[in-house]
Amino acid sequence: MEKLNVLNEILNNNEAWALDMKKHYSSLLEENGKGQAPEVLWIGCADSRVPPGLITESKPGDIFVHRNIANVIEESDESLNSVLEYALFYLKVNLVVVCGHYDCGGVKAALSGDQFSPYISQWITPIHNELQALQKANPTHHELIEAHTKNQLDKLSKHPIVVKATSENNTLEVVGLVYDPATGKLKKI
């Protein structure tokens, strides 16, 4: 019964949201019904506390979003590759954001030494490997998150799809941000 209540709440909230959008932004809904032309690709964590459109006060259609656990950039990730290719070559976004966040469960899990299922372990092991040397210097949690986000930004900047897009679009910018769920603020790194 509880799951049905949650689903009903989602559907009821959506109904109210759609009515409000129609009342205040009817032309936006009409435009969104015709297609999308976002200027930003946001690569962030799947954490429920970090909704890109909400924390940036963006409207539907402003941001093309790809999310995964701990905002990981891996060349072997076919989902990421298809999003990058589509955003950069078809939507022609001009800004790509890699956004990490403090209190990231994926980073915590990677550094915990705990055993996880094969899927989770495969995903977080590279994070552990990247941050292992840094851990010896006894960094703060914020420093670890910022280092992880910088690592992902560096990997994204060297990603073959991004390199190709940058050579064809000299206005393309790739930046790193960190979000603080405790303050609601973004920080450029």
C-alpha atoms as a PDB file:
ATOM      1  CA  MET A   1       0.000   0.000   0.000  1.00  0.00           C
ATOM      2  CA  GLU A   2       2.878   2.391   0.797  1.00  0.00           C
ATOM      3  CA  LYS A   3       4.318   2.175  -2.743  1.00  0.00           C
ATOM      4  CA  LEU A   4       0.917   3.042  -4.183  1.00  0.00           C
ATOM      5  CA  ASN A   5       0.745   6.114  -1.926  1.00  0.00           C
ATOM      6  CA  VAL A   6       4.164   7.294  -3.097  1.00  0.00           C
ATOM      7  CA  LEU A   7       3.200   6.799  -6.741  1.00  0.00           C
ATOM      8  CA  ASN A   8      -0.101   8.615  -6.229  1.00  0.00           C
ATOM      9  CA  GLU A   9       1.758  11.484  -4.577  1.00  0.00           C
ATOM     10  CA  ILE A  10       4.144  11.670  -7.547  1.00  0.00           C
ATOM     11  CA  LEU A  11       1.268  11.706 -10.031  1.00  0.00           C
ATOM     12  CA  ASN A  12      -0.722  14.262  -8.020  1.00  0.00           C
ATOM     13  CA  ASN A  13       2.311  16.515  -7.662  1.00  0.00           C
ATOM     14  CA  ASN A  14       2.945  16.237 -11.387  1.00  0.00           C
ATOM     15  CA  GLU A  15      -0.641  17.232 -12.131  1.00  0.00           C
ATOM     16  CA  ALA A  16      -0.287  20.336  -9.958  1.00  0.00           C
ATOM     17  CA  TRP A  17       3.085  21.147 -11.521  1.00  0.00           C
ATOM     18  CA  ALA A  18       1.758  20.769 -15.080  1.00  0.00           C
ATOM     19  CA  LEU A  19      -1.185  23.066 -14.307  1.00  0.00           C
ATOM     20  CA  ASP A  20       1.143  25.642 -12.770  1.00  0.00           C
ATOM     21  CA  MET A  21       3.517  25.414 -15.749  1.00  0.00           C
ATOM     22  CA  LYS A  22       0.634  25.829 -18.179  1.00  0.00           C
ATOM     23  CA  LYS A  23      -0.604  28.862 -16.254  1.00  0.00           C
ATOM     24  CA  HIS A  24       2.783  30.603 -15.967  1.00  0.00           C
ATOM     25  CA  TYR A  25       4.864  29.151 -18.808  1.00  0.00           C
ATOM     26  CA  SER A  26       2.490  27.981 -21.527  1.00  0.00           C
ATOM     27  CA  SER A  27       4.810  29.173 -24.306  1.00  0.00           C
ATOM     28  CA  LEU A  28       7.710  27.239 -22.734  1.00  0.00           C
ATOM     29  CA  LEU A  29       5.661  24.046 -22.753  1.00  0.00           C
ATOM     30  CA  GLU A  30       4.702  24.646 -26.379  1.00  0.00           C
ATOM     31  CA  GLU A  31       8.362  25.170 -27.331  1.00  0.00           C
ATOM     32  CA  ASN A  32       9.463  22.097 -25.360  1.00  0.00           C
ATOM     33  CA  GLY A  33       6.817  20.095 -27.192  1.00  0.00           C
ATOM     34  CA  LYS A  34       8.639  20.880 -30.454  1.00  0.00           C
ATOM     35  CA  GLY A  35      12.105  19.762 -29.352  1.00  0.00           C
ATOM     36  CA  GLN A  36      15.060  20.793 -27.260  1.00  0.00           C
ATOM     37  CA  ALA A  37      17.979  23.165 -27.631  1.00  0.00           C
ATOM     38  CA  PRO A  38      19.818  23.192 -24.281  1.00  0.00           C
ATOM     39  CA  GLU A  39      23.062  25.119 -23.968  1.00  0.00           C
ATOM     40  CA  VAL A  40      24.405  22.992 -21.107  1.00  0.00           C
ATOM     41  CA  LEU A  41      25.284  19.339 -20.625  1.00  0.00           C
ATOM     42  CA  TRP A  42      25.359  18.508 -16.910  1.00  0.00           C
ATOM     43  CA  ILE A  43      27.195  15.377 -15.803  1.00  0.00           C
ATOM     44  CA  GLY A  44      26.455  14.807 -12.157  1.00  0.00           C
ATOM     45  CA  CYS A  45      25.808  12.322  -9.421  1.00  0.00           C
ATOM     46  CA  ALA A  46      22.557  10.380  -9.216  1.00  0.00           C
ATOM     47  CA  ASP A  47      22.205  11.487  -5.566  1.00  0.00           C
ATOM     48  CA  SER A  48      18.606  12.571  -4.938  1.00  0.00           C
ATOM     49  CA  ARG A  49      19.779  15.717  -3.138  1.00  0.00           C
ATOM     50  CA  VAL A  50      21.449  17.140  -6.240  1.00  0.00           C
ATOM     51  CA  PRO A  51      18.740  17.830  -8.875  1.00  0.00           C
ATOM     52  CA  PRO A  52      20.466  19.978 -11.537  1.00  0.00           C
ATOM     53  CA  GLY A  53      17.404  21.877 -12.748  1.00  0.00           C
ATOM     54  CA  LEU A  54      16.273  22.729  -9.251  1.00  0.00           C
ATOM     55  CA  ILE A  55      19.623  23.847  -7.783  1.00  0.00           C
ATOM     56  CA  THR A  56      20.290  26.093 -10.795  1.00  0.00           C
ATOM     57  CA  GLU A  57      16.704  27.376 -11.079  1.00  0.00           C
ATOM     58  CA  SER A  58      16.665  26.243 -14.693  1.00  0.00           C
ATOM     59  CA  LYS A  59      13.543  25.700 -16.729  1.00  0.00           C
ATOM     60  CA  PRO A  60      12.709  22.445 -18.504  1.00  0.00           C
ATOM     61  CA  GLY A  61      14.755  22.394 -21.705  1.00  0.00           C
ATOM     62  CA  ASP A  62      17.719  24.396 -20.348  1.00  0.00           C
ATOM     63  CA  ILE A  63      19.982  21.524 -19.268  1.00  0.00           C
ATOM     64  CA  PHE A  64      20.693  18.149 -20.875  1.00  0.00           C
ATOM     65  CA  VAL A  65      21.526  15.812 -17.976  1.00  0.00           C
ATOM     66  CA  HIS A  66      23.546  12.641 -17.465  1.00  0.00           C
ATOM     67  CA  ARG A  67      23.788  11.236 -13.946  1.00  0.00           C
ATOM     68  CA  ASN A  68      25.489   8.233 -12.394  1.00  0.00           C
ATOM     69  CA  ILE A  69      26.882   7.250  -9.005  1.00  0.00           C
ATOM     70  CA  ALA A  70      29.642   9.724  -8.070  1.00  0.00           C
ATOM     71  CA  ASN A  71      29.632  11.565 -11.437  1.00  0.00           C
ATOM     72  CA  VAL A  72      32.173   9.111 -12.852  1.00  0.00           C
ATOM     73  CA  ILE A  73      33.692   9.659 -16.298  1.00  0.00           C
ATOM     74  CA  GLU A  74      34.799   6.423 -17.961  1.00  0.00           C
ATOM     75  CA  GLU A  75      35.551   6.061 -21.675  1.00  0.00           C
ATOM     76  CA  SER A  76      34.042   2.573 -21.555  1.00  0.00           C
ATOM     77  CA  ASP A  77      30.665   3.890 -20.331  1.00  0.00           C
ATOM     78  CA  GLU A  78      28.413   3.577 -23.377  1.00  0.00           C
ATOM     79  CA  SER A  79      25.639   5.581 -21.749  1.00  0.00           C
ATOM     80  CA  LEU A  80      28.011   8.503 -21.117  1.00  0.00           C
ATOM     81  CA  ASN A  81      29.467   8.207 -24.615  1.00  0.00           C
ATOM     82  CA  SER A  82      26.060   8.389 -26.278  1.00  0.00           C
ATOM     83  CA  VAL A  83      25.069  11.380 -24.128  1.00  0.00           C
ATOM     84  CA  LEU A  84      28.326  13.197 -24.939  1.00  0.00           C
ATOM     85  CA  GLU A  85      28.030  12.543 -28.646  1.00  0.00           C
ATOM     86  CA  TYR A  86      24.377  13.574 -28.777  1.00  0.00           C
ATOM     87  CA  ALA A  87      24.866  16.712 -26.662  1.00  0.00           C
ATOM     88  CA  LEU A  88      28.012  17.903 -28.397  1.00  0.00           C
ATOM     89  CA  PHE A  89      27.322  17.039 -32.029  1.00  0.00           C
ATOM     90  CA  TYR A  90      23.535  17.109 -32.341  1.00  0.00           C
ATOM     91  CA  LEU A  91      22.340  19.486 -29.648  1.00  0.00           C
ATOM     92  CA  LYS A  92      25.570  21.505 -29.944  1.00  0.00           C
ATOM     93  CA  VAL A  93      25.769  22.503 -26.297  1.00  0.00           C
ATOM     94  CA  ASN A  94      28.447  25.096 -25.501  1.00  0.00           C
ATOM     95  CA  LEU A  95      29.017  24.267 -21.845  1.00  0.00           C
ATOM     96  CA  VAL A  96      29.706  20.904 -20.224  1.00  0.00           C
ATOM     97  CA  VAL A  97      29.592  20.756 -16.432  1.00  0.00           C
ATOM     98  CA  VAL A  98      30.963  17.951 -14.276  1.00  0.00           C
ATOM     99  CA  CYS A  99      29.349  18.395 -10.878  1.00  0.00           C
ATOM    100  CA  GLY A 100      30.430  16.552  -7.774  1.00  0.00           C
ATOM    101  CA  HIS A 101      28.991  17.083  -4.313  1.00  0.00           C
ATOM    102  CA  TYR A 102      30.012  16.926  -0.699  1.00  0.00           C
ATOM    103  CA  ASP A 103      28.744  13.933   1.293  1.00  0.00           C
ATOM    104  CA  CYS A 104      28.874  11.765  -1.849  1.00  0.00           C
ATOM    105  CA  GLY A 105      27.960   8.187  -0.969  1.00  0.00           C
ATOM    106  CA  GLY A 106      29.815   6.817  -3.998  1.00  0.00           C
ATOM    107  CA  VAL A 107      33.084   8.408  -2.920  1.00  0.00           C
ATOM    108  CA  LYS A 108      32.515   7.347   0.694  1.00  0.00           C
ATOM    109  CA  ALA A 109      31.841   3.773  -0.427  1.00  0.00           C
ATOM    110  CA  ALA A 110      34.940   3.720  -2.636  1.00  0.00           C
ATOM    111  CA  LEU A 111      37.125   4.795   0.271  1.00  0.00           C
ATOM    112  CA  SER A 112      35.439   2.646   2.922  1.00  0.00           C
ATOM    113  CA  GLY A 113      37.097  -0.652   2.070  1.00  0.00           C
ATOM    114  CA  ASP A 114      33.722  -2.379   2.445  1.00  0.00           C
ATOM    115  CA  GLN A 115      32.703  -5.212   0.137  1.00  0.00           C
ATOM    116  CA  PHE A 116      29.925  -4.464  -2.357  1.00  0.00           C
ATOM    117  CA  SER A 117      28.150  -6.343  -5.126  1.00  0.00           C
ATOM    118  CA  PRO A 118      30.109  -6.781  -8.369  1.00  0.00           C
ATOM    119  CA  TYR A 119      28.282  -3.941 -10.157  1.00  0.00           C
ATOM    120  CA  ILE A 120      28.894  -1.404  -7.419  1.00  0.00           C
ATOM    121  CA  SER A 121      32.474  -2.575  -6.841  1.00  0.00           C
ATOM    122  CA  GLN A 122      33.274  -2.305 -10.549  1.00  0.00           C
ATOM    123  CA  TRP A 123      31.920   1.252 -10.578  1.00  0.00           C
ATOM    124  CA  ILE A 124      33.616   2.579  -7.438  1.00  0.00           C
ATOM    125  CA  THR A 125      37.001   0.807  -7.628  1.00  0.00           C
ATOM    126  CA  PRO A 126      38.450   3.447 -10.006  1.00  0.00           C
ATOM    127  CA  ILE A 127      37.460   6.157  -7.491  1.00  0.00           C
ATOM    128  CA  HIS A 128      39.327   4.269  -4.753  1.00  0.00           C
ATOM    129  CA  ASN A 129      42.384   3.903  -6.986  1.00  0.00           C
ATOM    130  CA  GLU A 130      42.374   7.587  -7.987  1.00  0.00           C
ATOM    131  CA  LEU A 131      42.090   8.881  -4.431  1.00  0.00           C
ATOM    132  CA  GLN A 132      44.250   6.309  -2.621  1.00  0.00           C
ATOM    133  CA  ALA A 133      47.484   8.328  -2.912  1.00  0.00           C
ATOM    134  CA  LEU A 134      45.727  11.504  -1.815  1.00  0.00           C
ATOM    135  CA  GLN A 135      44.330   9.784   1.287  1.00  0.00           C
ATOM    136  CA  LYS A 136      47.853   9.357   2.675  1.00  0.00           C
ATOM    137  CA  ALA A 137      48.033  13.157   3.094  1.00  0.00           C
ATOM    138  CA  ASN A 138      44.950  12.950   5.367  1.00  0.00           C
ATOM    139  CA  PRO A 139      42.738  15.358   3.381  1.00  0.00           C
ATOM    140  CA  THR A 140      39.375  16.636   4.557  1.00  0.00           C
ATOM    141  CA  HIS A 141      36.208  15.163   3.095  1.00  0.00           C
ATOM    142  CA  HIS A 142      35.703  18.338   1.054  1.00  0.00           C
ATOM    143  CA  GLU A 143      39.229  18.076  -0.352  1.00  0.00           C
ATOM    144  CA  LEU A 144      38.607  14.454  -1.374  1.00  0.00           C
ATOM    145  CA  ILE A 145      35.355  15.377  -3.138  1.00  0.00           C
ATOM    146  CA  GLU A 146      37.018  18.288  -4.909  1.00  0.00           C
ATOM    147  CA  ALA A 147      39.940  16.073  -5.962  1.00  0.00           C
ATOM    148  CA  HIS A 148      37.528  13.429  -7.248  1.00  0.00           C
ATOM    149  CA  THR A 149      35.590  16.036  -9.236  1.00  0.00           C
ATOM    150  CA  LYS A 150      38.824  17.474 -10.666  1.00  0.00           C
ATOM    151  CA  ASN A 151      39.882  13.936 -11.679  1.00  0.00           C
ATOM    152  CA  GLN A 152      36.588  13.434 -13.502  1.00  0.00           C
ATOM    153  CA  LEU A 153      36.903  16.862 -15.149  1.00  0.00           C
ATOM    154  CA  ASP A 154      40.416  15.967 -16.311  1.00  0.00           C
ATOM    155  CA  LYS A 155      39.213  12.630 -17.724  1.00  0.00           C
ATOM    156  CA  LEU A 156      36.318  14.376 -19.479  1.00  0.00           C
ATOM    157  CA  SER A 157      38.623  17.004 -21.007  1.00  0.00           C
ATOM    158  CA  LYS A 158      40.764  14.182 -22.475  1.00  0.00           C
ATOM    159  CA  HIS A 159      37.784  12.057 -23.579  1.00  0.00           C
ATOM    160  CA  PRO A 160      38.018  11.451 -27.379  1.00  0.00           C
ATOM    161  CA  ILE A 161      34.473  12.709 -27.994  1.00  0.00           C
ATOM    162  CA  VAL A 162      35.175  15.943 -26.096  1.00  0.00           C
ATOM    163  CA  VAL A 163      38.559  16.394 -27.790  1.00  0.00           C
ATOM    164  CA  LYS A 164      36.915  16.036 -31.195  1.00  0.00           C
ATOM    165  CA  ALA A 165      34.075  18.398 -30.265  1.00  0.00           C
ATOM    166  CA  THR A 166      36.512  20.989 -28.913  1.00  0.00           C
ATOM    167  CA  SER A 167      38.501  20.897 -32.161  1.00  0.00           C
ATOM    168  CA  GLU A 168      35.293  21.563 -34.095  1.00  0.00           C
ATOM    169  CA  ASN A 169      33.737  24.079 -31.663  1.00  0.00           C
ATOM    170  CA  ASN A 170      36.111  26.641 -30.195  1.00  0.00           C
ATOM    171  CA  THR A 171      33.326  28.023 -27.966  1.00  0.00           C
ATOM    172  CA  LEU A 172      32.910  24.745 -26.051  1.00  0.00           C
ATOM    173  CA  GLU A 173      33.771  25.099 -22.365  1.00  0.00           C
ATOM    174  CA  VAL A 174      34.200  22.232 -19.887  1.00  0.00           C
ATOM    175  CA  VAL A 175      34.031  23.156 -16.195  1.00  0.00           C
ATOM    176  CA  GLY A 176      33.902  21.503 -12.787  1.00  0.00           C
ATOM    177  CA  LEU A 177      31.534  22.388  -9.974  1.00  0.00           C
ATOM    178  CA  VAL A 178      30.981  21.022  -6.486  1.00  0.00           C
ATOM    179  CA  TYR A 179      27.612  21.273  -4.769  1.00  0.00           C
ATOM    180  CA  ASP A 180      27.159  21.475  -1.021  1.00  0.00           C
ATOM    181  CA  PRO A 181      23.854  19.841   0.041  1.00  0.00           C
ATOM    182  CA  ALA A 182      24.173  21.498   3.455  1.00  0.00           C
ATOM    183  CA  THR A 183      24.183  25.046   2.024  1.00  0.00           C
ATOM    184  CA  GLY A 184      22.586  24.591  -1.396  1.00  0.00           C
ATOM    185  CA  LYS A 185      25.510  26.365  -3.043  1.00  0.00           C
ATOM    186  CA  LEU A 186      27.674  25.501  -6.039  1.00  0.00           C
ATOM    187  CA  LYS A 187      31.407  26.167  -6.155  1.00  0.00           C
ATOM    188  CA  LYS A 188      33.562  26.286  -9.285  1.00  0.00           C
ATOM    189  CA  ILE A 189      36.748  24.238  -9.004  1.00  0.00           C
END
